[in-house]
Amino acid sequence: MLPTVLLLLSVFTVRGSACDDLNRAAINNLQDTIKNEEKTGFREVFPKNYYVQHHFNGSTQCEDSCCVSSAAFLLADSWKQLLQHIEWIHIKHRFISELISQLNEIWQTSFQETPNPSVFPSGPSSPRALLTYTSDVFSKWLALNCPVEMCIFPSPAPQQEKEYNGTDRVPVETESVPVTERGRDKRGLTAAAINGDVGLSGWFLCILCCLRMLLDVLLKELG
């Protein structure tokens, strides 16, 4: 009876582990490919000034398993942003899709619902920088023995949230000038309207005075 129980427990343990040989081999192969892409591959197809606008948070780059899962989700979303700007026949399209698939396997075991990446500030990164971040996540996930843990998706720090909402942004001079000019034009139109009303009132008073004088003269002559 005891050997049977131990056998069942060992089978359950193997099935419940996220770090099987196949998974490790897949990530190790991707890591080798990433090294080659960082040296030559991505340099051949992406120019130096090519950047991806994406959501990422440096605070998720820690050693905790939930940090690794959060970083995996944000990086998967970042690679998806890049895929939207290249054709499916692009020479790196398939490789990037493989990265997204592996990153999805990491974070999908940690969150019950798909997180919202837009809560974090948006910033630019080069494709090679995304490769470096992704390689770091893969390394940490393997070092933690491919953890399977339910996590809560983090929120941005208060300073990051202020930057994202634009409360610390300085107004651009080119944007404020038209507003000022429109304000001046409005004030000028208002002043012109007021001055015009005063001028019309003066004309009416002058005409009434002349009519009153003519009426007095006529009354004196008739009297």
Protein backbone atom coordinates (compact mmCIF):
# COMPACT_ATOMS: atom_id res chain seq x y z
CA MET A 1 0.00 0.00 0.00
CA LEU A 2 2.78 2.42 0.95
CA PRO A 3 4.72 2.08 -2.35
CA THR A 4 1.51 2.75 -4.27
CA VAL A 5 0.89 5.95 -2.31
CA LEU A 6 4.47 7.11 -2.87
CA LEU A 7 4.15 6.40 -6.57
CA LEU A 8 0.95 8.44 -6.83
CA LEU A 9 2.54 11.31 -4.91
CA SER A 10 5.57 11.30 -7.19
CA VAL A 11 3.37 11.36 -10.29
CA PHE A 12 1.32 14.24 -8.86
CA THR A 13 4.51 16.15 -8.02
CA VAL A 14 5.88 15.82 -11.55
CA ARG A 15 2.60 16.89 -13.12
CA GLY A 16 2.27 19.88 -10.78
CA SER A 17 5.75 21.17 -11.46
CA ALA A 18 6.14 23.97 -14.00
CA CYS A 19 9.84 23.19 -14.43
CA ASP A 20 9.80 20.00 -16.46
CA ASP A 21 12.65 19.15 -18.80
CA LEU A 22 10.69 20.24 -21.86
CA ASN A 23 9.96 23.68 -20.41
CA ARG A 24 13.55 24.22 -19.33
CA ALA A 25 14.84 23.14 -22.72
CA ALA A 26 12.46 25.53 -24.50
CA ILE A 27 13.58 28.49 -22.40
CA ASN A 28 17.26 27.59 -22.70
CA ASN A 29 16.90 27.45 -26.48
CA LEU A 30 15.23 30.86 -26.45
CA GLN A 31 18.03 32.22 -24.27
CA ASP A 32 20.64 31.04 -26.78
CA THR A 33 18.66 32.64 -29.60
CA ILE A 34 18.34 35.89 -27.64
CA LYS A 35 22.14 36.08 -27.27
CA ASN A 36 22.58 35.72 -31.02
CA GLU A 37 19.85 38.25 -31.75
CA GLU A 38 21.39 40.80 -29.38
CA LYS A 39 24.75 40.49 -31.15
CA THR A 40 23.70 40.42 -34.80
CA GLY A 41 20.10 39.45 -35.60
CA PHE A 42 18.17 42.46 -34.34
CA ARG A 43 20.92 44.83 -35.44
CA GLU A 44 20.46 43.65 -39.01
CA VAL A 45 16.73 44.40 -39.20
CA PHE A 46 16.00 47.19 -36.68
CA PRO A 47 17.68 50.62 -37.06
CA LYS A 48 19.33 52.36 -34.13
CA ASN A 49 16.55 54.92 -33.79
CA TYR A 50 13.73 52.34 -33.75
CA TYR A 51 11.80 52.37 -30.48
CA VAL A 52 8.72 50.62 -29.14
CA GLN A 53 6.24 52.62 -27.06
CA HIS A 54 5.10 50.28 -24.31
CA HIS A 55 4.15 49.98 -20.64
CA PHE A 56 6.85 48.70 -18.32
CA ASN A 57 7.76 49.18 -14.69
CA GLY A 58 11.27 48.83 -13.34
CA SER A 59 9.94 47.94 -9.87
CA THR A 60 8.84 44.55 -11.23
CA GLN A 61 12.47 43.66 -11.90
CA CYS A 62 13.06 42.04 -8.51
CA GLU A 63 13.79 38.50 -7.33
CA ASP A 64 10.28 37.75 -6.05
CA SER A 65 8.22 35.25 -8.03
CA CYS A 66 5.28 37.65 -8.32
CA CYS A 67 7.62 40.34 -9.65
CA VAL A 68 8.84 37.92 -12.30
CA SER A 69 5.25 37.10 -13.30
CA SER A 70 4.32 40.79 -13.48
CA ALA A 71 7.39 41.57 -15.58
CA ALA A 72 6.57 38.63 -17.87
CA PHE A 73 3.07 40.00 -18.47
CA LEU A 74 4.29 43.54 -19.20
CA LEU A 75 6.99 42.26 -21.55
CA ALA A 76 4.52 40.04 -23.40
CA ASP A 77 2.35 43.12 -23.93
CA SER A 78 5.41 45.11 -25.04
CA TRP A 79 6.30 42.54 -27.70
CA LYS A 80 2.68 42.59 -28.87
CA GLN A 81 2.99 46.34 -29.39
CA LEU A 82 6.02 45.70 -31.60
CA LEU A 83 4.22 43.01 -33.61
CA GLN A 84 1.49 45.50 -34.47
CA HIS A 85 4.03 47.56 -36.43
CA ILE A 86 5.66 44.79 -38.47
CA GLU A 87 4.23 42.48 -41.13
CA TRP A 88 3.80 38.76 -40.53
CA ILE A 89 6.42 38.09 -43.21
CA HIS A 90 8.99 40.03 -41.16
CA ILE A 91 12.06 37.89 -40.53
CA LYS A 92 11.72 38.27 -36.72
CA HIS A 93 7.94 37.88 -36.50
CA ARG A 94 8.02 34.18 -35.64
CA PHE A 95 10.76 34.56 -33.04
CA ILE A 96 8.93 37.41 -31.31
CA SER A 97 5.74 35.32 -31.30
CA GLU A 98 7.65 32.52 -29.55
CA LEU A 99 8.84 34.97 -26.89
CA ILE A 100 5.27 36.14 -26.31
CA SER A 101 4.03 32.56 -26.01
CA GLN A 102 6.68 31.65 -23.42
CA LEU A 103 6.10 34.83 -21.42
CA ASN A 104 2.36 34.12 -21.43
CA GLU A 105 2.99 30.68 -19.92
CA ILE A 106 4.85 32.34 -17.05
CA TRP A 107 2.30 34.99 -16.07
CA GLN A 108 -0.92 33.07 -16.81
CA THR A 109 -0.25 30.74 -13.86
CA SER A 110 -0.09 33.70 -11.46
CA PHE A 111 -3.10 35.89 -12.27
CA GLN A 112 -6.74 34.84 -12.33
CA GLU A 113 -7.64 37.71 -14.65
CA THR A 114 -5.69 39.43 -17.38
CA PRO A 115 -4.07 42.54 -15.83
CA ASN A 116 -4.32 46.01 -17.31
CA PRO A 117 -0.89 47.23 -18.45
CA SER A 118 -2.08 50.80 -19.02
CA VAL A 119 -1.98 51.53 -15.26
CA PHE A 120 1.78 51.93 -15.67
CA PRO A 121 3.50 54.83 -17.42
CA SER A 122 4.34 54.41 -21.08
CA GLY A 123 7.86 54.80 -22.36
CA PRO A 124 10.10 53.93 -25.34
CA SER A 125 12.53 51.02 -25.56
CA SER A 126 14.56 49.56 -28.38
CA PRO A 127 13.86 45.96 -29.47
CA ARG A 128 17.31 44.99 -28.18
CA ALA A 129 16.43 46.40 -24.76
CA LEU A 130 13.27 44.29 -24.74
CA LEU A 131 15.45 41.27 -25.49
CA THR A 132 17.63 42.04 -22.48
CA TYR A 133 14.60 42.42 -20.18
CA THR A 134 13.10 39.18 -21.48
CA SER A 135 16.31 37.22 -21.01
CA ASP A 136 16.51 38.51 -17.43
CA VAL A 137 12.94 37.35 -16.72
CA PHE A 138 13.64 33.89 -18.16
CA SER A 139 16.79 33.55 -16.05
CA LYS A 140 15.03 34.56 -12.83
CA TRP A 141 12.09 32.26 -13.52
CA LEU A 142 14.41 29.27 -13.96
CA ALA A 143 16.44 30.27 -10.88
CA LEU A 144 13.21 30.29 -8.83
CA ASN A 145 12.44 26.78 -10.14
CA CYS A 146 9.54 27.96 -12.32
CA PRO A 147 7.24 29.03 -9.47
CA VAL A 148 3.47 28.60 -9.70
CA GLU A 149 1.95 31.13 -7.28
CA MET A 150 -1.18 33.24 -7.26
CA CYS A 151 -0.25 36.93 -7.25
CA ILE A 152 -1.85 40.36 -7.22
CA PHE A 153 -0.83 42.58 -10.10
CA PRO A 154 1.09 45.56 -8.65
CA SER A 155 0.07 49.20 -8.89
CA PRO A 156 2.45 51.97 -9.98
CA ALA A 157 4.23 54.02 -7.34
CA PRO A 158 2.63 57.43 -6.53
CA GLN A 159 5.38 59.30 -8.41
CA GLN A 160 4.88 57.10 -11.48
CA GLU A 161 1.13 57.61 -11.30
CA LYS A 162 1.58 61.40 -11.19
CA GLU A 163 3.85 61.26 -14.22
CA TYR A 164 1.36 59.05 -16.07
CA ASN A 165 -1.54 61.40 -15.29
CA GLY A 166 0.53 64.36 -16.43
CA THR A 167 0.35 66.34 -13.16
CA ASP A 168 4.09 67.04 -13.21
CA ARG A 169 4.31 67.92 -16.87
CA VAL A 170 5.40 71.44 -17.79
CA PRO A 171 3.13 73.01 -20.42
CA VAL A 172 4.80 73.24 -23.80
CA GLU A 173 5.36 76.82 -24.94
CA THR A 174 3.95 76.17 -28.39
CA GLU A 175 0.73 74.93 -26.81
CA SER A 176 0.29 77.85 -24.43
CA VAL A 177 0.84 80.60 -27.01
CA PRO A 178 -2.34 79.99 -29.03
CA VAL A 179 -4.37 79.91 -25.83
CA THR A 180 -2.92 83.26 -24.77
CA GLU A 181 -3.52 84.75 -28.18
CA ARG A 182 -7.08 83.52 -28.21
CA GLY A 183 -7.55 85.06 -24.77
CA ARG A 184 -6.18 88.37 -26.01
CA ASP A 185 -8.39 88.26 -29.08
CA LYS A 186 -11.39 87.56 -26.91
CA ARG A 187 -10.56 90.44 -24.60
CA GLY A 188 -10.05 92.71 -27.60
CA LEU A 189 -13.39 91.73 -29.08
CA THR A 190 -15.09 92.32 -25.75
CA ALA A 191 -13.49 95.73 -25.37
CA ALA A 192 -14.44 96.67 -28.91
CA ALA A 193 -18.02 95.65 -28.29
CA ILE A 194 -18.16 97.68 -25.10
CA ASN A 195 -16.60 100.73 -26.75
CA GLY A 196 -19.04 100.39 -29.61
CA ASP A 197 -22.00 100.38 -27.22
CA VAL A 198 -20.72 103.51 -25.49
CA GLY A 199 -20.30 105.29 -28.84
CA LEU A 200 -23.85 104.48 -29.94
CA SER A 201 -25.26 105.73 -26.65
CA GLY A 202 -23.40 109.02 -27.08
CA TRP A 203 -24.85 109.50 -30.56
CA PHE A 204 -28.38 108.93 -29.30
CA LEU A 205 -27.92 111.45 -26.48
CA CYS A 206 -26.56 114.04 -28.90
CA ILE A 207 -29.52 113.59 -31.26
CA LEU A 208 -32.00 113.89 -28.38
CA CYS A 209 -30.37 117.12 -27.21
CA CYS A 210 -30.59 118.61 -30.71
CA LEU A 211 -34.25 117.65 -31.00
CA ARG A 212 -34.94 119.22 -27.59
CA MET A 213 -33.26 122.46 -28.66
CA LEU A 214 -35.27 122.58 -31.91
CA LEU A 215 -38.48 121.96 -29.98
CA ASP A 216 -37.70 124.84 -27.58
CA VAL A 217 -37.04 127.21 -30.50
CA LEU A 218 -40.33 126.26 -32.19
CA LEU A 219 -42.29 126.76 -28.98
CA LYS A 220 -40.78 130.23 -28.46
CA GLU A 221 -41.66 131.31 -32.02
CA LEU A 222 -45.23 130.02 -31.71
CA GLY A 223 -45.66 131.63 -28.34
